[in-house]
Amino acid sequence: MVTANSERNDRNDRKVREGIVVSDKMDKTITVEVSDRVKHGMYSKVLSRSSKLKAHDEQNSAGMGDR
């Protein structure tokens, strides 16, 4: 049985990521590039991985280059 309180706790346990705004051309939405360093399983070399995510920006306050 799922109660309202446990449902709220599940939503608060989400990952928090930090990146750099690469686009603010959409209305109330920004594109953020999040980079991460990952160690290769076999060769132990450190790789830089990045992904672009969309984020909500209600006041359109974020600009290009913001963290």
N, C-alpha and C. Protein backbone atom coordinates (compact mmCIF):
# COMPACT_ATOMS: atom_id res chain seq x y z
N MET A 1 0.84 -1.17 0.00
CA MET A 1 0.00 0.00 0.00
C MET A 1 0.89 1.24 0.00
N VAL A 2 0.60 2.16 -0.90
CA VAL A 2 1.38 3.39 -1.02
C VAL A 2 0.58 4.53 -0.41
N THR A 3 1.18 5.17 0.57
CA THR A 3 0.51 6.31 1.19
C THR A 3 1.08 7.60 0.60
N ALA A 4 0.41 8.70 0.86
CA ALA A 4 0.85 9.99 0.34
C ALA A 4 2.20 10.38 0.92
N ASN A 5 2.45 10.05 2.18
CA ASN A 5 3.71 10.41 2.81
C ASN A 5 4.88 9.65 2.20
N SER A 6 4.73 8.34 1.97
CA SER A 6 5.84 7.57 1.40
C SER A 6 6.06 7.96 -0.06
N GLU A 7 5.01 8.38 -0.74
CA GLU A 7 5.16 8.83 -2.12
C GLU A 7 5.99 10.11 -2.17
N ARG A 8 5.80 11.02 -1.23
CA ARG A 8 6.58 12.25 -1.16
C ARG A 8 8.05 11.93 -0.88
N ASN A 9 8.33 10.97 -0.01
CA ASN A 9 9.71 10.61 0.30
C ASN A 9 10.42 10.02 -0.91
N ASP A 10 9.71 9.25 -1.73
CA ASP A 10 10.31 8.68 -2.92
C ASP A 10 10.74 9.78 -3.89
N ARG A 11 9.95 10.82 -4.02
CA ARG A 11 10.29 11.90 -4.94
C ARG A 11 11.46 12.73 -4.43
N ASN A 12 11.65 12.80 -3.11
CA ASN A 12 12.74 13.58 -2.56
C ASN A 12 14.08 12.85 -2.61
N ASP A 13 14.10 11.57 -2.92
CA ASP A 13 15.33 10.81 -2.98
C ASP A 13 15.95 10.80 -4.38
N ARG A 14 15.56 11.75 -5.23
CA ARG A 14 16.08 11.79 -6.59
C ARG A 14 17.50 12.34 -6.62
N LYS A 15 18.22 12.04 -7.70
CA LYS A 15 19.58 12.55 -7.86
C LYS A 15 19.54 14.05 -8.10
N VAL A 16 20.50 14.74 -7.56
CA VAL A 16 20.66 16.16 -7.82
C VAL A 16 21.93 16.30 -8.64
N ARG A 17 21.82 16.89 -9.82
CA ARG A 17 22.97 17.03 -10.71
C ARG A 17 23.26 18.48 -10.96
N GLU A 18 24.51 18.78 -11.23
CA GLU A 18 24.93 20.15 -11.47
C GLU A 18 25.67 20.18 -12.79
N GLY A 19 25.34 21.18 -13.62
CA GLY A 19 25.99 21.29 -14.92
C GLY A 19 26.00 22.72 -15.39
N ILE A 20 26.34 22.91 -16.65
CA ILE A 20 26.45 24.23 -17.25
C ILE A 20 25.36 24.40 -18.29
N VAL A 21 24.69 25.56 -18.25
CA VAL A 21 23.61 25.85 -19.20
C VAL A 21 24.23 26.07 -20.57
N VAL A 22 23.77 25.29 -21.56
CA VAL A 22 24.28 25.42 -22.92
C VAL A 22 23.25 26.04 -23.85
N SER A 23 21.98 26.10 -23.44
CA SER A 23 20.95 26.71 -24.27
C SER A 23 19.83 27.22 -23.39
N ASP A 24 19.39 28.46 -23.68
CA ASP A 24 18.25 29.03 -22.96
C ASP A 24 17.23 29.60 -23.94
N LYS A 25 17.15 29.04 -25.14
CA LYS A 25 16.31 29.57 -26.20
C LYS A 25 14.84 29.18 -26.07
N MET A 26 14.55 28.14 -25.31
CA MET A 26 13.17 27.71 -25.15
C MET A 26 12.49 28.51 -24.05
N ASP A 27 11.16 28.53 -24.06
CA ASP A 27 10.41 29.25 -23.05
C ASP A 27 10.27 28.38 -21.81
N LYS A 28 10.78 28.84 -20.66
CA LYS A 28 10.71 28.17 -19.35
C LYS A 28 11.45 26.84 -19.32
N THR A 29 12.36 26.61 -20.27
CA THR A 29 13.15 25.37 -20.29
C THR A 29 14.58 25.72 -20.69
N ILE A 30 15.54 25.08 -20.02
CA ILE A 30 16.94 25.26 -20.38
C ILE A 30 17.55 23.89 -20.66
N THR A 31 18.64 23.89 -21.42
CA THR A 31 19.39 22.68 -21.66
C THR A 31 20.69 22.77 -20.87
N VAL A 32 20.94 21.73 -20.06
CA VAL A 32 22.10 21.72 -19.18
C VAL A 32 23.00 20.56 -19.58
N GLU A 33 24.30 20.82 -19.72
CA GLU A 33 25.25 19.76 -20.01
C GLU A 33 25.90 19.32 -18.70
N VAL A 34 25.72 18.04 -18.37
CA VAL A 34 26.25 17.46 -17.14
C VAL A 34 27.40 16.55 -17.52
N SER A 35 28.58 16.81 -16.98
CA SER A 35 29.73 15.98 -17.29
C SER A 35 30.10 15.13 -16.08
N ASP A 36 30.64 13.95 -16.35
CA ASP A 36 30.97 12.99 -15.31
C ASP A 36 32.24 12.27 -15.71
N ARG A 37 33.06 11.92 -14.74
CA ARG A 37 34.27 11.15 -15.01
C ARG A 37 34.04 9.71 -14.56
N VAL A 38 34.28 8.77 -15.47
CA VAL A 38 34.00 7.35 -15.23
C VAL A 38 35.27 6.56 -15.51
N LYS A 39 35.56 5.62 -14.65
CA LYS A 39 36.72 4.76 -14.84
C LYS A 39 36.33 3.56 -15.70
N HIS A 40 37.11 3.27 -16.72
CA HIS A 40 36.85 2.13 -17.60
C HIS A 40 37.06 0.84 -16.82
N GLY A 41 36.16 -0.11 -17.01
CA GLY A 41 36.18 -1.34 -16.23
C GLY A 41 37.40 -2.20 -16.46
N MET A 42 37.82 -2.33 -17.70
CA MET A 42 38.93 -3.22 -18.00
C MET A 42 40.28 -2.50 -17.99
N TYR A 43 40.32 -1.31 -18.58
CA TYR A 43 41.61 -0.63 -18.79
C TYR A 43 41.93 0.40 -17.72
N SER A 44 41.03 0.66 -16.82
CA SER A 44 41.21 1.60 -15.70
C SER A 44 41.53 3.02 -16.14
N LYS A 45 41.25 3.36 -17.38
CA LYS A 45 41.45 4.73 -17.85
C LYS A 45 40.24 5.56 -17.45
N VAL A 46 40.48 6.80 -17.06
CA VAL A 46 39.38 7.68 -16.66
C VAL A 46 38.86 8.39 -17.90
N LEU A 47 37.55 8.24 -18.15
CA LEU A 47 36.90 8.84 -19.31
C LEU A 47 35.98 9.96 -18.87
N SER A 48 35.85 10.97 -19.71
CA SER A 48 34.91 12.06 -19.45
C SER A 48 33.66 11.79 -20.26
N ARG A 49 32.55 11.66 -19.58
CA ARG A 49 31.26 11.45 -20.24
C ARG A 49 30.40 12.67 -19.98
N SER A 50 29.61 13.07 -20.98
CA SER A 50 28.70 14.19 -20.77
C SER A 50 27.35 13.88 -21.39
N SER A 51 26.31 14.47 -20.82
CA SER A 51 24.96 14.30 -21.37
C SER A 51 24.23 15.61 -21.22
N LYS A 52 23.31 15.86 -22.14
CA LYS A 52 22.53 17.08 -22.10
C LYS A 52 21.14 16.74 -21.57
N LEU A 53 20.71 17.51 -20.60
CA LEU A 53 19.42 17.30 -19.96
C LEU A 53 18.59 18.57 -20.06
N LYS A 54 17.28 18.42 -20.13
CA LYS A 54 16.38 19.57 -20.11
C LYS A 54 15.96 19.83 -18.67
N ALA A 55 15.88 21.09 -18.30
CA ALA A 55 15.50 21.46 -16.93
C ALA A 55 14.47 22.58 -17.00
N HIS A 56 13.57 22.60 -16.01
CA HIS A 56 12.52 23.61 -15.96
C HIS A 56 13.07 24.89 -15.34
N ASP A 57 12.75 26.03 -15.95
CA ASP A 57 13.20 27.34 -15.47
C ASP A 57 11.99 28.27 -15.53
N GLU A 58 11.23 28.31 -14.45
CA GLU A 58 9.95 29.03 -14.43
C GLU A 58 10.09 30.52 -14.74
N GLN A 59 11.11 31.19 -14.16
CA GLN A 59 11.25 32.63 -14.35
C GLN A 59 12.13 33.01 -15.54
N ASN A 60 12.63 32.04 -16.28
CA ASN A 60 13.57 32.29 -17.39
C ASN A 60 14.77 33.10 -16.89
N SER A 61 15.28 32.75 -15.71
CA SER A 61 16.36 33.52 -15.10
C SER A 61 17.75 33.01 -15.47
N ALA A 62 17.87 31.77 -15.90
CA ALA A 62 19.17 31.20 -16.21
C ALA A 62 19.64 31.65 -17.60
N GLY A 63 20.94 31.87 -17.70
CA GLY A 63 21.51 32.27 -18.98
C GLY A 63 22.62 31.33 -19.38
N MET A 64 23.09 31.47 -20.60
CA MET A 64 24.15 30.60 -21.12
C MET A 64 25.39 30.73 -20.24
N GLY A 65 26.00 29.59 -19.89
CA GLY A 65 27.22 29.58 -19.10
C GLY A 65 26.97 29.51 -17.59
N ASP A 66 25.73 29.66 -17.14
CA ASP A 66 25.44 29.56 -15.72
C ASP A 66 25.62 28.13 -15.24
N ARG A 67 25.95 27.99 -13.95
CA ARG A 67 26.06 26.65 -13.36
C ARG A 67 24.77 26.35 -12.61
